[in-house]
PDB file of N, CA and C in Angstrom:
ATOM      1  N   MET A   1      48.623  51.489-184.907  1.00  0.00           N
ATOM      2  CA  MET A   1      49.074  50.363-184.256  1.00  0.00           C
ATOM      3  C   MET A   1      48.226  49.324-183.934  1.00  0.00           C
ATOM      4  N   ILE A   2      48.625  47.899-184.037  1.00  0.00           N
ATOM      5  CA  ILE A   2      47.693  46.989-183.969  1.00  0.00           C
ATOM      6  C   ILE A   2      47.308  46.914-182.404  1.00  0.00           C
ATOM      7  N   PRO A   3      46.109  46.568-181.985  1.00  0.00           N
ATOM      8  CA  PRO A   3      45.788  46.626-180.651  1.00  0.00           C
ATOM      9  C   PRO A   3      46.487  45.582-179.792  1.00  0.00           C
ATOM     10  N   ALA A   4      46.779  44.406-180.295  1.00  0.00           N
ATOM     11  CA  ALA A   4      47.497  43.389-179.433  1.00  0.00           C
ATOM     12  C   ALA A   4      48.967  43.492-179.718  1.00  0.00           C
ATOM     13  N   SER A   5      49.623  44.592-179.855  1.00  0.00           N
ATOM     14  CA  SER A   5      50.955  44.617-180.187  1.00  0.00           C
ATOM     15  C   SER A   5      51.808  44.364-178.870  1.00  0.00           C
ATOM     16  N   PRO A   6      52.918  43.568-179.193  1.00  0.00           N
ATOM     17  CA  PRO A   6      53.789  43.050-178.266  1.00  0.00           C
ATOM     18  C   PRO A   6      54.334  44.142-177.069  1.00  0.00           C
ATOM     19  N   ASP A   7      54.530  45.348-177.574  1.00  0.00           N
ATOM     20  CA  ASP A   7      55.028  46.321-176.531  1.00  0.00           C
ATOM     21  C   ASP A   7      53.849  46.680-175.516  1.00  0.00           C
ATOM     22  N   GLY A   8      52.778  46.412-175.591  1.00  0.00           N
ATOM     23  CA  GLY A   8      51.770  46.599-174.755  1.00  0.00           C
ATOM     24  C   GLY A   8      51.286  48.108-174.631  1.00  0.00           C
ATOM     25  N   SER A   9      51.714  49.008-175.631  1.00  0.00           N
ATOM     26  CA  SER A   9      51.206  50.426-175.468  1.00  0.00           C
ATOM     27  C   SER A   9      49.839  50.744-175.875  1.00  0.00           C
ATOM     28  N   ALA A  10      49.362  49.760-176.601  1.00  0.00           N
ATOM     29  CA  ALA A  10      47.877  49.944-177.120  1.00  0.00           C
ATOM     30  C   ALA A  10      46.853  49.429-175.997  1.00  0.00           C
ATOM     31  N   SER A  11      45.847  49.955-176.066  1.00  0.00           N
ATOM     32  CA  SER A  11      44.689  49.541-175.278  1.00  0.00           C
ATOM     33  C   SER A  11      44.466  48.208-175.535  1.00  0.00           C
ATOM     34  N   GLY A  12      43.875  47.465-174.630  1.00  0.00           N
ATOM     35  CA  GLY A  12      43.198  46.170-174.862  1.00  0.00           C
ATOM     36  C   GLY A  12      44.249  44.972-174.594  1.00  0.00           C
ATOM     37  N   GLY A  13      45.420  45.263-174.361  1.00  0.00           N
ATOM     38  CA  GLY A  13      46.429  44.472-174.060  1.00  0.00           C
ATOM     39  C   GLY A  13      46.537  43.831-172.793  1.00  0.00           C
ATOM     40  N   GLY A  14      47.440  43.330-172.193  1.00  0.00           N
ATOM     41  CA  GLY A  14      47.632  43.170-170.811  1.00  0.00           C
ATOM     42  C   GLY A  14      47.931  41.556-170.633  1.00  0.00           C
ATOM     43  N   GLY A  15      47.635  40.705-171.392  1.00  0.00           N
ATOM     44  CA  GLY A  15      48.200  39.430-171.498  1.00  0.00           C
ATOM     45  C   GLY A  15      47.469  38.635-170.453  1.00  0.00           C
ATOM     46  N   ALA A  16      48.094  37.419-170.123  1.00  0.00           N
ATOM     47  CA  ALA A  16      47.404  36.560-169.242  1.00  0.00           C
ATOM     48  C   ALA A  16      47.199  36.981-167.771  1.00  0.00           C
ATOM     49  N   ARG A  17      48.026  38.046-167.394  1.00  0.00           N
ATOM     50  CA  ARG A  17      47.847  38.496-165.976  1.00  0.00           C
ATOM     51  C   ARG A  17      46.425  39.224-165.908  1.00  0.00           C
ATOM     52  N   SER A  18      46.093  40.032-167.091  1.00  0.00           N
ATOM     53  CA  SER A  18      44.907  40.685-167.036  1.00  0.00           C
ATOM     54  C   SER A  18      43.814  39.794-167.156  1.00  0.00           C
ATOM     55  N   VAL A  19      43.989  38.624-167.760  1.00  0.00           N
ATOM     56  CA  VAL A  19      42.875  37.706-167.939  1.00  0.00           C
ATOM     57  C   VAL A  19      42.529  37.069-166.689  1.00  0.00           C
ATOM     58  N   TRP A  20      43.702  36.948-165.992  1.00  0.00           N
ATOM     59  CA  TRP A  20      43.481  36.141-164.519  1.00  0.00           C
ATOM     60  C   TRP A  20      42.972  37.082-163.543  1.00  0.00           C
ATOM     61  N   HIS A  21      43.259  38.320-163.578  1.00  0.00           N
ATOM     62  CA  HIS A  21      42.480  39.272-162.825  1.00  0.00           C
ATOM     63  C   HIS A  21      41.078  39.502-163.084  1.00  0.00           C
ATOM     64  N   ARG A  22      40.708  39.581-164.298  1.00  0.00           N
ATOM     65  CA  ARG A  22      39.310  39.422-164.680  1.00  0.00           C
ATOM     66  C   ARG A  22      38.482  38.198-164.274  1.00  0.00           C
ATOM     67  N   PHE A  23      39.217  37.218-164.441  1.00  0.00           N
ATOM     68  CA  PHE A  23      38.560  35.892-164.002  1.00  0.00           C
ATOM     69  C   PHE A  23      38.379  35.710-162.493  1.00  0.00           C
ATOM     70  N   ARG A  24      39.314  36.314-161.672  1.00  0.00           N
ATOM     71  CA  ARG A  24      39.023  36.252-160.243  1.00  0.00           C
ATOM     72  C   ARG A  24      38.100  37.284-159.853  1.00  0.00           C
ATOM     73  N   ALA A  25      37.892  38.407-160.476  1.00  0.00           N
ATOM     74  CA  ALA A  25      36.849  39.378-160.201  1.00  0.00           C
ATOM     75  C   ALA A  25      35.628  38.775-160.444  1.00  0.00           C
ATOM     76  N   LEU A  26      35.286  37.982-161.642  1.00  0.00           N
ATOM     77  CA  LEU A  26      34.109  37.285-161.933  1.00  0.00           C
ATOM     78  C   LEU A  26      33.790  36.296-160.899  1.00  0.00           C
ATOM     79  N   MET A  27      34.711  35.593-160.336  1.00  0.00           N
ATOM     80  CA  MET A  27      34.549  34.500-159.406  1.00  0.00           C
ATOM     81  C   MET A  27      33.981  35.057-158.112  1.00  0.00           C
ATOM     82  N   ARG A  28      34.759  36.258-157.852  1.00  0.00           N
ATOM     83  CA  ARG A  28      34.089  36.915-156.575  1.00  0.00           C
ATOM     84  C   ARG A  28      32.811  37.466-156.711  1.00  0.00           C
ATOM     85  N   GLN A  29      32.473  37.943-157.861  1.00  0.00           N
ATOM     86  CA  GLN A  29      31.073  38.545-158.010  1.00  0.00           C
ATOM     87  C   GLN A  29      30.040  37.606-158.164  1.00  0.00           C
ATOM     88  N   TYR A  30      30.301  36.500-158.653  1.00  0.00           N
ATOM     89  CA  TYR A  30      29.227  35.380-158.819  1.00  0.00           C
ATOM     90  C   TYR A  30      29.357  34.195-157.912  1.00  0.00           C
ATOM     91  N   LEU A  31      30.190  34.332-156.918  1.00  0.00           N
ATOM     92  CA  LEU A  31      30.359  33.106-155.865  1.00  0.00           C
ATOM     93  C   LEU A  31      29.111  32.734-155.260  1.00  0.00           C
ATOM     94  N   TRP A  32      28.285  33.825-154.600  1.00  0.00           N
ATOM     95  CA  TRP A  32      27.260  33.749-153.949  1.00  0.00           C
ATOM     96  C   TRP A  32      26.034  33.348-154.723  1.00  0.00           C
ATOM     97  N   LEU A  33      26.046  33.919-156.020  1.00  0.00           N
ATOM     98  CA  LEU A  33      24.985  33.582-156.833  1.00  0.00           C
ATOM     99  C   LEU A  33      25.060  32.043-157.162  1.00  0.00           C
ATOM    100  N   TRP A  34      26.320  31.531-157.408  1.00  0.00           N
ATOM    101  CA  TRP A  34      26.399  30.069-157.611  1.00  0.00           C
ATOM    102  C   TRP A  34      26.078  29.204-156.518  1.00  0.00           C
ATOM    103  N   ILE A  35      26.419  29.540-155.251  1.00  0.00           N
ATOM    104  CA  ILE A  35      25.942  28.930-154.115  1.00  0.00           C
ATOM    105  C   ILE A  35      24.527  28.967-153.897  1.00  0.00           C
ATOM    106  N   ALA A  36      23.769  30.058-154.191  1.00  0.00           N
ATOM    107  CA  ALA A  36      22.463  30.119-154.057  1.00  0.00           C
ATOM    108  C   ALA A  36      21.663  29.255-155.070  1.00  0.00           C
ATOM    109  N   TYR A  37      22.258  29.108-156.377  1.00  0.00           N
ATOM    110  CA  TYR A  37      21.704  28.303-157.263  1.00  0.00           C
ATOM    111  C   TYR A  37      21.881  26.743-157.069  1.00  0.00           C
ATOM    112  N   GLN A  38      23.022  26.373-156.513  1.00  0.00           N
ATOM    113  CA  GLN A  38      23.047  25.025-156.032  1.00  0.00           C
ATOM    114  C   GLN A  38      22.225  24.659-154.984  1.00  0.00           C
ATOM    115  N   THR A  39      22.028  25.566-154.025  1.00  0.00           N
ATOM    116  CA  THR A  39      21.111  25.273-152.950  1.00  0.00           C
ATOM    117  C   THR A  39      19.746  25.145-153.310  1.00  0.00           C
ATOM    118  N   VAL A  40      19.341  25.978-154.256  1.00  0.00           N
ATOM    119  CA  VAL A  40      17.895  25.746-154.827  1.00  0.00           C
ATOM    120  C   VAL A  40      17.760  24.477-155.550  1.00  0.00           C
ATOM    121  N   LYS A  41      18.791  24.068-156.490  1.00  0.00           N
ATOM    122  CA  LYS A  41      18.732  22.958-157.278  1.00  0.00           C
ATOM    123  C   LYS A  41      18.783  21.709-156.390  1.00  0.00           C
ATOM    124  N   GLY A  42      19.513  21.654-155.395  1.00  0.00           N
ATOM    125  CA  GLY A  42      19.572  20.619-154.600  1.00  0.00           C
ATOM    126  C   GLY A  42      18.327  20.431-153.693  1.00  0.00           C
ATOM    127  N   SER A  43      17.598  21.521-153.178  1.00  0.00           N
ATOM    128  CA  SER A  43      16.348  21.363-152.576  1.00  0.00           C
ATOM    129  C   SER A  43      15.332  20.885-153.465  1.00  0.00           C
ATOM    130  N   LEU A  44      15.319  21.346-154.724  1.00  0.00           N
ATOM    131  CA  LEU A  44      14.340  20.841-155.645  1.00  0.00           C
ATOM    132  C   LEU A  44      14.428  19.431-155.980  1.00  0.00           C
ATOM    133  N   THR A  45      15.698  19.011-156.235  1.00  0.00           N
ATOM    134  CA  THR A  45      15.950  17.626-156.359  1.00  0.00           C
ATOM    135  C   THR A  45      15.641  16.699-155.249  1.00  0.00           C
ATOM    136  N   LEU A  46      15.829  17.068-154.098  1.00  0.00           N
ATOM    137  CA  LEU A  46      15.490  16.432-152.955  1.00  0.00           C
ATOM    138  C   LEU A  46      13.924  16.335-152.830  1.00  0.00           C
ATOM    139  N   CYS A  47      13.214  17.449-152.958  1.00  0.00           N
ATOM    140  CA  CYS A  47      11.771  17.283-152.905  1.00  0.00           C
ATOM    141  C   CYS A  47      10.939  16.738-153.994  1.00  0.00           C
ATOM    142  N   LEU A  48      11.578  16.869-155.175  1.00  0.00           N
ATOM    143  CA  LEU A  48      10.786  16.369-156.341  1.00  0.00           C
ATOM    144  C   LEU A  48      11.216  15.009-156.898  1.00  0.00           C
ATOM    145  N   ILE A  49      12.454  14.672-156.526  1.00  0.00           N
ATOM    146  CA  ILE A  49      13.136  13.352-156.829  1.00  0.00           C
ATOM    147  C   ILE A  49      13.027  12.232-155.701  1.00  0.00           C
ATOM    148  N   TRP A  50      13.900  12.680-154.832  1.00  0.00           N
ATOM    149  CA  TRP A  50      14.320  11.695-153.767  1.00  0.00           C
ATOM    150  C   TRP A  50      13.234  11.316-152.847  1.00  0.00           C
ATOM    151  N   LEU A  51      12.584  12.336-152.310  1.00  0.00           N
ATOM    152  CA  LEU A  51      11.429  12.197-151.378  1.00  0.00           C
ATOM    153  C   LEU A  51      10.311  11.163-152.054  1.00  0.00           C
ATOM    154  N   PRO A  52       9.989  11.559-153.233  1.00  0.00           N
ATOM    155  CA  PRO A  52       8.922  10.548-153.847  1.00  0.00           C
ATOM    156  C   PRO A  52       9.503   9.256-153.918  1.00  0.00           C
ATOM    157  N   ILE A  53      10.649   9.075-154.400  1.00  0.00           N
ATOM    158  CA  ILE A  53      11.213   7.714-154.435  1.00  0.00           C
ATOM    159  C   ILE A  53      11.310   7.041-153.146  1.00  0.00           C
ATOM    160  N   TRP A  54      11.532   7.794-152.024  1.00  0.00           N
ATOM    161  CA  TRP A  54      11.691   7.105-150.672  1.00  0.00           C
ATOM    162  C   TRP A  54      10.391   6.943-150.192  1.00  0.00           C
ATOM    163  N   TRP A  55       9.205   7.714-150.396  1.00  0.00           N
ATOM    164  CA  TRP A  55       7.935   7.484-150.000  1.00  0.00           C
ATOM    165  C   TRP A  55       7.360   6.317-150.639  1.00  0.00           C
ATOM    166  N   ALA A  56       7.616   6.115-151.969  1.00  0.00           N
ATOM    167  CA  ALA A  56       7.002   4.983-152.756  1.00  0.00           C
ATOM    168  C   ALA A  56       7.904   3.741-152.220  1.00  0.00           C
ATOM    169  N   TYR A  57       9.143   3.750-151.830  1.00  0.00           N
ATOM    170  CA  TYR A  57       9.640   2.528-151.322  1.00  0.00           C
ATOM    171  C   TYR A  57       9.184   2.100-149.954  1.00  0.00           C
ATOM    172  N   GLN A  58       8.784   3.114-149.142  1.00  0.00           N
ATOM    173  CA  GLN A  58       8.481   2.836-147.942  1.00  0.00           C
ATOM    174  C   GLN A  58       6.813   2.445-147.819  1.00  0.00           C
ATOM    175  N   GLY A  59       6.070   2.732-148.918  1.00  0.00           N
ATOM    176  CA  GLY A  59       4.649   2.229-148.925  1.00  0.00           C
ATOM    177  C   GLY A  59       4.521   1.064-149.569  1.00  0.00           C
TER     178      GLY A  59
END
């Protein structure tokens, strides 16, 4: 039988609902990693770009 058969009897099927559940599981798993990444990126941008520009403007 073809793995993506319409009757869903073969493994690997599941359709859009299965894809949505996997997507939600990945979002839960990586949410805090994404938040930490954005925090580090924002801190580095502030320290390496915006503060030197501000200091140069003030001086």
